[in-house]
Protein backbone atom coordinates (compact mmCIF):
# COMPACT_ATOMS: atom_id res chain seq x y z
CA UNK A 1 0.03 -0.05 -0.18
CA UNK A 2 1.94 3.35 -1.28
CA UNK A 3 1.21 6.55 -2.76
CA UNK A 4 1.28 6.23 -6.72
CA UNK A 5 3.97 7.94 -9.02
CA UNK A 6 1.04 10.01 -10.28
CA UNK A 7 0.08 11.42 -7.16
CA UNK A 8 3.97 12.77 -6.21
CA UNK A 9 3.43 14.20 -9.75
CA UNK A 10 0.67 15.77 -9.32
CA UNK A 11 1.80 17.51 -5.67
CA UNK A 12 4.70 18.56 -7.63
CA UNK A 13 2.47 20.37 -10.41
CA UNK A 14 0.14 21.82 -7.50
CA UNK A 15 3.27 23.17 -5.79
CA UNK A 16 4.90 24.45 -9.02
CA UNK A 17 1.57 26.20 -9.94
CA UNK A 18 1.19 28.52 -7.01
CA UNK A 19 5.11 29.31 -7.52
CA UNK A 20 6.04 32.83 -8.53
CA UNK A 21 7.13 33.21 -12.28
CA UNK A 22 10.97 32.70 -12.88
CA UNK A 23 11.73 30.67 -9.57
CA UNK A 24 13.25 27.84 -8.58
CA UNK A 25 12.24 25.51 -5.17
CA UNK A 26 15.10 23.40 -3.80
CA UNK A 27 14.73 20.70 -1.22
CA UNK A 28 17.35 18.61 0.41
CA UNK A 29 17.13 14.86 1.62
CA UNK A 30 17.30 14.19 5.60
CA UNK A 31 21.17 13.78 6.46
CA UNK A 32 22.26 10.81 7.79
CA UNK A 33 22.41 10.66 12.01
CA UNK A 34 24.99 8.87 13.70
CA UNK A 35 23.81 6.85 16.58
CA UNK A 36 27.33 5.99 18.15
CA UNK A 37 30.71 6.04 16.93
CA UNK A 38 30.46 4.30 13.38
CA UNK A 39 26.82 3.32 13.72
CA UNK A 40 24.16 5.00 12.01
CA UNK A 41 20.52 5.45 13.31
CA UNK A 42 18.14 4.04 10.84
CA UNK A 43 17.51 6.69 7.89
CA UNK A 44 13.86 8.11 7.54
CA UNK A 45 13.85 10.53 4.56
CA UNK A 46 12.54 14.39 5.22
CA UNK A 47 8.66 14.26 5.16
CA UNK A 48 8.65 17.55 2.72
CA UNK A 49 11.33 15.87 0.34
CA UNK A 50 9.28 12.61 0.29
CA UNK A 51 6.26 14.11 0.03
CA UNK A 52 7.09 15.38 -3.64
CA UNK A 53 9.09 12.92 -4.27
CA UNK A 54 8.72 9.54 -2.77
CA UNK A 55 12.57 9.10 -2.96
CA UNK A 56 14.02 7.29 -0.13
CA UNK A 57 17.77 7.99 -0.68
CA UNK A 58 19.93 10.04 1.57
CA UNK A 59 22.53 12.22 -0.36
CA UNK A 60 19.90 13.87 -2.65
CA UNK A 61 18.62 17.15 -3.59
CA UNK A 62 15.37 17.61 -5.67
CA UNK A 63 14.87 20.56 -7.81
CA UNK A 64 11.42 22.15 -9.13
CA UNK A 65 11.87 24.31 -11.95
CA UNK A 66 8.20 25.35 -13.53
CA UNK A 67 8.62 26.32 -17.31
CA UNK A 68 12.23 24.50 -17.41
CA UNK A 69 12.35 23.30 -21.17
CA UNK A 70 14.38 20.21 -20.65
CA UNK A 71 12.25 19.08 -17.79
CA UNK A 72 10.80 20.68 -14.54
CA UNK A 73 11.67 18.24 -11.88
CA UNK A 74 15.59 17.63 -11.32
CA UNK A 75 16.71 15.38 -9.05
CA UNK A 76 20.38 14.90 -7.92
CA UNK A 77 21.06 11.45 -6.37
CA UNK A 78 23.81 9.17 -5.91
CA UNK A 79 25.07 6.73 -8.40
CA UNK A 80 24.66 2.95 -9.08
CA UNK A 81 28.24 1.67 -7.15
CA UNK A 82 27.76 -2.19 -7.12
CA UNK A 83 31.01 -1.99 -4.26
CA UNK A 84 29.04 0.40 -1.81
CA UNK A 85 25.49 -1.42 -2.76
CA UNK A 86 27.16 -4.74 -1.68
CA UNK A 87 27.81 -3.12 1.65
CA UNK A 88 24.82 -0.89 2.25
CA UNK A 89 22.08 -2.03 -0.14
CA UNK A 90 20.39 -1.24 -3.77
CA UNK A 91 20.53 2.32 -4.97
CA UNK A 92 18.57 3.38 -7.83
CA UNK A 93 20.92 5.55 -9.59
CA UNK A 94 20.29 8.49 -12.20
CA UNK A 95 18.12 6.00 -14.47
CA UNK A 96 16.34 4.36 -11.57
CA UNK A 97 15.21 7.81 -10.34
CA UNK A 98 13.75 8.98 -13.40
CA UNK A 99 12.31 5.40 -14.18
CA UNK A 100 10.66 4.85 -10.78
CA UNK A 101 9.82 8.37 -9.56
CA UNK A 102 8.76 10.25 -12.69
CA UNK A 103 11.44 13.12 -12.22
CA UNK A 104 12.16 14.44 -15.64
CA UNK A 105 16.17 14.57 -15.44
CA UNK A 106 18.64 13.36 -12.73
CA UNK A 107 22.07 13.77 -12.31
CA UNK A 108 24.81 12.32 -9.89
CA UNK A 109 24.85 14.19 -6.44
CA UNK A 110 28.75 14.52 -7.02
CA UNK A 111 27.96 16.80 -9.87
CA UNK A 112 25.77 19.37 -8.04
CA UNK A 113 28.17 22.09 -7.41
CA UNK A 114 28.79 22.20 -11.25
CA UNK A 115 24.93 21.93 -11.94
CA UNK A 116 22.40 23.22 -9.59
CA UNK A 117 23.93 26.99 -9.65
CA UNK A 118 23.50 27.23 -13.59
CA UNK A 119 19.87 26.07 -12.80
CA UNK A 120 19.33 28.84 -9.69
CA UNK A 121 20.88 31.60 -12.25
CA UNK A 122 18.59 33.61 -13.93
CA UNK A 123 15.95 32.75 -11.63
CA UNK A 124 14.47 35.84 -9.69
CA UNK A 125 13.18 33.56 -6.59
CA UNK A 126 14.55 30.69 -5.05
CA UNK A 127 12.09 28.79 -2.73
CA UNK A 128 13.80 27.10 0.17
CA UNK A 129 12.93 26.26 3.79
CA UNK A 130 15.95 28.44 5.26
CA UNK A 131 16.88 27.56 9.10
CA UNK A 132 15.98 23.64 8.73
CA UNK A 133 19.38 22.35 7.61
CA UNK A 134 22.24 24.57 8.75
CA UNK A 135 24.96 22.84 6.25
CA UNK A 136 22.80 23.07 3.33
CA UNK A 137 21.87 26.66 4.19
CA UNK A 138 25.56 27.36 3.85
CA UNK A 139 25.71 25.26 0.46
CA UNK A 140 22.88 27.20 -0.94
CA UNK A 141 24.44 30.74 0.02
CA UNK A 142 27.58 29.75 -1.64
CA UNK A 143 26.22 29.14 -4.71
CA UNK A 144 24.43 32.14 -4.85
CA UNK A 145 27.46 34.41 -3.56
CA UNK A 146 29.02 32.79 -6.55
CA UNK A 147 26.61 34.08 -9.10
CA UNK A 148 26.36 37.15 -7.57
CA UNK A 149 30.28 37.30 -8.09
CA UNK A 150 29.85 36.74 -11.52
CA UNK A 151 27.09 39.69 -12.24
CA UNK A 152 29.47 41.93 -13.73
CA UNK A 153 29.99 39.56 -16.69
CA UNK A 154 26.19 39.42 -17.30
CA UNK A 155 25.20 36.59 -14.15
CA UNK A 156 21.85 37.06 -12.99
CA UNK A 157 21.56 35.93 -9.38
CA UNK A 158 18.03 35.39 -7.53
CA UNK A 159 16.62 38.58 -6.05
CA UNK A 160 14.29 37.06 -3.09
CA UNK A 161 14.17 33.54 -0.79
CA UNK A 162 10.89 32.87 -0.45
CA UNK A 163 9.73 30.32 2.13
CA UNK A 164 8.76 26.97 0.71
CA UNK A 165 7.12 25.92 4.09
CA UNK A 166 4.07 27.85 3.73
CA UNK A 167 3.28 26.75 0.31
CA UNK A 168 4.10 23.31 0.76
CA UNK A 169 2.77 22.43 4.25
CA UNK A 170 -0.43 23.85 3.43
CA UNK A 171 -0.63 21.18 0.54
CA UNK A 172 0.15 18.52 2.95
CA UNK A 173 -2.71 19.66 5.42
CA UNK A 174 -5.47 18.43 2.96
CA UNK A 175 -5.19 14.72 2.84
CA UNK A 176 -5.94 12.67 -0.65
CA UNK A 177 -8.15 9.68 -0.78
CA UNK A 178 -4.66 7.55 -1.26
CA UNK A 179 -3.07 9.50 1.83
CA UNK A 180 -6.03 8.84 3.96
CA UNK A 181 -6.24 5.04 3.02
CA UNK A 182 -2.87 4.67 4.17
CA UNK A 183 -3.90 6.57 7.44
CA UNK A 184 -6.74 4.54 7.77
CA UNK A 185 -4.84 1.13 7.66
CA UNK A 186 -2.00 2.63 10.01
CA UNK A 187 -4.90 3.46 12.49
CA UNK A 188 -6.09 -0.04 12.12
CA UNK A 189 -3.07 -2.01 12.80
CA UNK A 190 -2.09 0.63 15.70
CA UNK A 191 -5.42 -0.28 17.11
CA UNK A 192 -4.56 -4.00 16.81
CA UNK A 193 -1.45 -2.86 18.88
CA UNK A 194 -3.34 -1.27 21.76
CA UNK A 195 -5.72 -4.49 21.95
CA UNK A 196 -2.82 -6.70 22.27
CA UNK A 197 -1.06 -4.81 25.01
CA UNK A 198 -4.37 -4.66 26.93
CA UNK A 199 -5.10 -8.50 26.46
CA UNK A 200 -1.26 -9.21 27.61
CA UNK A 201 -1.05 -6.93 30.20
CA UNK A 202 -0.97 -7.98 33.80
CA UNK A 203 0.58 -6.83 37.60
CA UNK A 204 4.03 -8.03 37.30
CA UNK A 205 5.18 -7.21 34.13
CA UNK A 206 7.17 -4.30 32.95
CA UNK A 207 6.56 -1.54 30.78
CA UNK A 208 8.91 -2.37 28.05
CA UNK A 209 7.21 -5.82 27.96
CA UNK A 210 4.12 -4.22 26.78
CA UNK A 211 5.77 -2.20 24.22
CA UNK A 212 7.91 -5.16 22.62
CA UNK A 213 3.98 -6.34 22.44
CA UNK A 214 3.06 -2.90 20.56
CA UNK A 215 6.41 -3.44 17.92
CA UNK A 216 5.59 -7.05 17.62
CA UNK A 217 1.93 -6.01 16.05
CA UNK A 218 3.34 -3.13 14.16
CA UNK A 219 5.77 -4.55 12.29
CA UNK A 220 3.99 -8.08 11.41
CA UNK A 221 1.16 -5.98 10.16
CA UNK A 222 4.11 -4.16 7.72
CA UNK A 223 5.01 -1.04 9.56
CA UNK A 224 8.69 -0.99 9.70
CA UNK A 225 8.83 1.18 12.96
CA UNK A 226 6.62 3.54 15.36
CA UNK A 227 5.80 6.99 14.37
CA UNK A 228 7.08 8.09 17.57
CA UNK A 229 8.63 6.59 20.95
CA UNK A 230 5.52 4.56 22.83
CA UNK A 231 4.68 5.98 25.68
CA UNK A 232 4.11 3.30 28.36
CA UNK A 233 3.46 4.66 31.68
CA UNK A 234 2.23 2.59 34.52
CA UNK A 235 0.72 4.51 37.95
CA UNK A 236 2.38 7.64 38.31
CA UNK A 237 4.15 7.45 35.05
CA UNK A 238 1.04 8.05 33.36
CA UNK A 239 1.29 11.54 34.75
CA UNK A 240 4.53 12.58 32.76
CA UNK A 241 3.02 13.66 29.39
CA UNK A 242 6.13 12.27 27.36
CA UNK A 243 7.24 9.72 29.66
CA UNK A 244 9.48 7.31 27.21
CA UNK A 245 11.57 5.31 29.69
CA UNK A 246 9.24 2.49 30.26
CA UNK A 247 11.27 0.71 32.18
CA UNK A 248 9.50 0.26 35.52
CA UNK A 249 7.26 -2.43 36.99
CA UNK A 250 3.47 -2.63 36.79
CA UNK A 251 1.86 -3.21 39.93
CA UNK A 252 -1.78 -4.40 41.01
CA UNK A 253 -3.64 -1.20 41.17
CA UNK A 254 -2.05 0.62 38.24
CA UNK A 255 -3.63 2.16 35.62
CA UNK A 256 -1.78 2.07 32.39
CA UNK A 257 -1.21 4.82 29.91
CA UNK A 258 -0.42 3.57 26.46
CA UNK A 259 0.28 6.47 23.37
CA UNK A 260 1.84 4.72 20.47
CA UNK A 261 1.32 4.50 16.66
CA UNK A 262 2.97 3.06 13.85
CA UNK A 263 4.21 4.43 10.97
CA UNK A 264 3.03 3.22 7.57
CA UNK A 265 5.03 4.26 4.31
CA UNK A 266 5.74 7.67 6.07
CA UNK A 267 2.06 8.18 7.47
CA UNK A 268 1.49 8.25 11.25
CA UNK A 269 -1.10 7.21 13.85
CA UNK A 270 -1.46 8.38 17.79
CA UNK A 271 -3.67 6.59 19.55
CA UNK A 272 -3.32 6.75 23.35
CA UNK A 273 -5.39 4.21 25.78
CA UNK A 274 -5.51 3.86 29.26
CA UNK A 275 -6.77 1.03 31.24
CA UNK A 276 -6.29 -0.93 34.61
CA UNK A 277 -3.13 -3.34 34.85
CA UNK A 278 -5.66 -6.09 36.79
CA UNK A 279 -8.67 -5.46 34.15
CA UNK A 280 -10.40 -3.57 36.77
CA UNK A 281 -10.97 0.19 37.33
CA UNK A 282 -11.09 1.08 40.91
CA UNK A 283 -13.56 3.66 41.82
CA UNK A 284 -11.56 6.85 41.68
CA UNK A 285 -10.41 5.65 38.41
CA UNK A 286 -13.33 4.86 36.76
CA UNK A 287 -14.84 8.28 38.03
CA UNK A 288 -11.89 10.31 36.20
CA UNK A 289 -11.81 8.17 32.91
CA UNK A 290 -15.43 8.74 32.29
CA UNK A 291 -15.39 12.18 32.82
CA UNK A 292 -12.41 12.23 30.22
CA UNK A 293 -14.22 9.95 27.74
CA UNK A 294 -17.01 12.17 27.79
CA UNK A 295 -15.03 15.06 27.10
CA UNK A 296 -13.58 13.04 23.99
CA UNK A 297 -16.64 11.72 22.70
CA UNK A 298 -18.24 15.64 22.81
CA UNK A 299 -15.10 17.21 21.38
CA UNK A 300 -15.15 14.60 18.31
CA UNK A 301 -18.69 15.73 18.01
CA UNK A 302 -17.10 19.35 17.19
CA UNK A 303 -14.94 17.92 14.40
CA UNK A 304 -17.05 19.24 11.57
CA UNK A 305 -16.80 21.20 8.10
CA UNK A 306 -17.25 24.62 9.10
CA UNK A 307 -16.24 24.61 13.00
CA UNK A 308 -13.08 25.99 14.00
CA UNK A 309 -9.78 24.55 15.00
CA UNK A 310 -10.64 25.32 18.51
CA UNK A 311 -13.93 24.38 19.22
CA UNK A 312 -13.11 20.73 20.24
CA UNK A 313 -10.68 22.10 22.78
CA UNK A 314 -13.10 24.76 24.22
CA UNK A 315 -15.57 21.77 24.54
CA UNK A 316 -12.93 19.72 26.39
CA UNK A 317 -12.32 22.36 28.90
CA UNK A 318 -15.81 22.88 29.73
CA UNK A 319 -16.76 19.29 30.27
CA UNK A 320 -13.48 18.56 32.34
CA UNK A 321 -13.95 21.70 34.53
CA UNK A 322 -17.40 20.92 35.24
CA UNK A 323 -16.56 17.54 36.07
CA UNK A 324 -13.69 18.47 38.45
CA UNK A 325 -16.16 20.63 40.52
CA UNK A 326 -18.41 18.04 40.95
CA UNK A 327 -15.95 15.51 42.02
CA UNK A 328 -14.38 18.22 44.43
CA UNK A 329 -11.15 18.32 42.90
CA UNK A 330 -11.92 21.86 41.91
CA UNK A 331 -13.83 24.56 43.83
CA UNK A 332 -15.69 27.75 42.37
CA UNK A 333 -18.29 28.67 39.54
CA UNK A 334 -17.29 26.84 36.52
CA UNK A 335 -17.09 29.96 34.24
CA UNK A 336 -14.63 31.75 36.37
CA UNK A 337 -12.30 28.30 36.68
CA UNK A 338 -12.15 28.27 33.00
CA UNK A 339 -11.45 31.96 32.79
CA UNK A 340 -8.91 31.78 35.25
CA UNK A 341 -7.68 28.19 33.84
CA UNK A 342 -7.76 26.64 37.12
CA UNK A 343 -8.09 23.19 35.57
CA UNK A 344 -4.86 23.76 34.11
CA UNK A 345 -2.65 21.72 36.82
CA UNK A 346 -4.87 18.65 35.84
CA UNK A 347 -4.96 19.46 32.20
CA UNK A 348 -2.02 21.27 31.00
CA UNK A 349 -1.99 20.40 27.05
CA UNK A 350 -4.13 21.18 23.92
CA UNK A 351 -7.13 18.97 23.09
CA UNK A 352 -5.21 17.86 19.55
CA UNK A 353 -2.92 18.48 16.60
CA UNK A 354 -2.65 17.56 13.07
CA UNK A 355 -1.75 14.35 11.73
CA UNK A 356 -0.04 12.73 8.52
CA UNK A 357 3.40 12.24 7.72
CA UNK A 358 4.70 13.88 11.09
CA UNK A 359 2.98 13.00 14.18
CA UNK A 360 2.72 16.80 15.01
CA UNK A 361 2.03 17.53 11.45
CA UNK A 362 2.07 20.62 9.61
CA UNK A 363 -0.26 23.40 9.06
CA UNK A 364 -1.22 26.45 10.58
CA UNK A 365 -3.49 26.39 13.37
CA UNK A 366 -4.71 29.86 13.06
CA UNK A 367 -5.01 32.25 9.71
CA UNK A 368 -5.03 35.86 9.74
CA UNK A 369 -5.29 35.67 13.74
CA UNK A 370 -8.34 33.95 13.79
CA UNK A 371 -8.75 29.99 14.20
CA UNK A 372 -8.40 27.72 11.44
CA UNK A 373 -12.02 26.32 9.86
CA UNK A 374 -11.81 22.81 9.69
CA UNK A 375 -12.28 21.35 6.41
CA UNK A 376 -12.65 18.06 4.55
CA UNK A 377 -8.97 16.28 3.96
CA UNK A 378 -7.88 17.51 7.31
CA UNK A 379 -6.71 14.96 9.91
CA UNK A 380 -6.46 15.71 13.52
CA UNK A 381 -6.30 14.23 16.92
CA UNK A 382 -8.85 14.59 19.84
CA UNK A 383 -6.75 13.68 22.90
CA UNK A 384 -7.98 15.18 26.53
CA UNK A 385 -6.34 13.69 29.62
CA UNK A 386 -6.52 14.68 33.80
CA UNK A 387 -3.50 14.15 35.25
CA UNK A 388 -3.19 13.97 39.12
CA UNK A 389 0.30 14.35 40.34
CA UNK A 390 1.28 11.95 43.01
CA UNK A 391 2.38 15.29 44.60
CA UNK A 392 -0.91 16.92 44.43
CA UNK A 393 -1.94 18.37 47.77
CA UNK A 394 -4.77 20.36 46.42
CA UNK A 395 -6.85 16.88 46.43
CA UNK A 396 -7.45 13.95 48.61
CA UNK A 397 -5.04 10.97 48.32
CA UNK A 398 -6.95 8.79 46.71
CA UNK A 399 -6.99 10.73 43.64
CA UNK A 400 -3.11 11.11 43.25
CA UNK A 401 -0.93 9.52 40.77
CA UNK A 402 -3.60 8.70 38.09
CA UNK A 403 -2.97 9.48 34.36
CA UNK A 404 -5.32 9.40 31.97
CA UNK A 405 -5.30 9.99 28.32
CA UNK A 406 -7.65 8.90 25.41
CA UNK A 407 -6.59 9.82 22.18
CA UNK A 408 -7.91 9.09 18.48
CA UNK A 409 -7.24 9.83 15.14
CA UNK A 410 -10.17 11.94 13.27
CA UNK A 411 -10.57 12.84 9.71
CA UNK A 412 -12.63 16.02 8.70
CA UNK A 413 -15.08 14.67 5.96
CA UNK A 414 -17.86 16.35 3.44
CA UNK A 415 -20.40 15.62 6.03
CA UNK A 416 -18.86 15.04 9.42
CA UNK A 417 -15.56 13.24 10.66
CA UNK A 418 -14.41 9.48 10.44
CA UNK A 419 -12.48 8.05 13.38
CA UNK A 420 -9.52 6.53 11.74
CA UNK A 421 -8.53 4.72 15.00
CA UNK A 422 -12.23 3.46 15.87
CA UNK A 423 -10.92 -0.16 16.38
CA UNK A 424 -8.77 0.64 19.65
CA UNK A 425 -11.60 -0.01 22.37
CA UNK A 426 -12.17 2.73 24.77
CA UNK A 427 -15.32 2.13 26.89
CA UNK A 428 -14.83 0.54 30.60
CA UNK A 429 -17.26 -2.13 29.87
CA UNK A 430 -15.63 -3.13 26.88
CA UNK A 431 -11.75 -3.30 28.14
CA UNK A 432 -12.94 -4.83 31.33
CA UNK A 433 -14.50 -7.55 29.15
CA UNK A 434 -11.35 -7.84 26.95
CA UNK A 435 -9.24 -8.03 29.73
CA UNK A 436 -11.09 -10.48 31.48
CA UNK A 437 -11.26 -12.90 28.42
CA UNK A 438 -7.64 -12.64 27.98
CA UNK A 439 -6.99 -13.40 31.65
CA UNK A 440 -9.39 -16.62 31.23
CA UNK A 441 -7.69 -17.86 27.86
CA UNK A 442 -4.32 -17.70 30.04
CA UNK A 443 -5.71 -19.39 32.85
CA UNK A 444 -7.25 -22.19 30.85
CA UNK A 445 -3.77 -22.56 29.26
CA UNK A 446 -1.68 -22.68 32.56
């Protein structure tokens, strides 16, 4: 399941159609990062570069030149090299880049200093994401300065640099049918991984053992890696928003908060579920969980075309604040507590973010100072939570150390929304029944 070559070509054409006349856009691939000594991190291509090319190799540069007679899409990439391929794997080379990825022209990356300045020269504007890659920033400026140095010989250097991010990231915000298909499958895989973690969980395991089950389900289903470091927080660790140590033992009365999603062909899923380690919610856990779930369901209903980005968050804040007052964790008038943000010690983050090729995907949240209007094709997360710190002395001891978050991936459709991660259980009765059935199977096999 991959994005088609035709779709990559359409993306390039859509971007070039928005570029100013007589301009060039330049995108470098992601660099290779060293993990330790001579061991490299697994390579993951830059999302912008991949969005426009589908080309998976490092040491590559993509240039888009609207109106160029010999081809508007130019790729610089590594040459075929049997000796290097013996050690590090197959390379597409220039012929493969043109045949497999639909670029118009391709050159060896080693020739870029001789060729790319000539493509820049004579252009009025350069579209480039300055500041994202310092080494390539310097290379770009070196080429431009070389052109400037020849101005008295008739060379025409570009007069303006324009931010590529604005145009490109707005394109990425609206998902095509092909992208939605991938994200729907990524959501289904991740939902199965969360179910697997619930089924295997029991007191006495370690957090990393649940993480291993997540990774197993991701990879057996076709995903090579998580979209982000998985969070598996038991007990008080669930109150740490970006907890990733995942090395603590899971105790009998703990809640386990898992925030994990796979990446499928460069598209992310992002799901959070919270469940009891022993399969049964305590009274306090149940009360807070029901409140978070109520707010999440109401927020998802706000994901409608024509509504604003902030509408789901406002609904969550009100429902959580009202519920905290009813439970006695906050005291005062609800509206005043909202106005003074008195809920923030217990709910300190936003209700969601854009989702796509990056887990915190690109796209503006405000346009002209106003919250963005939701439109079909946008995908966002809805993830309210409550976190009662273990040392929070303003509440009774029985509430402390409870961390709960529930997160789903939601597509804006023409008539409403679709929850792409709906396969992961989140109702209390549903979770308890699932875990009870898994426990019964384990006991029957013992």
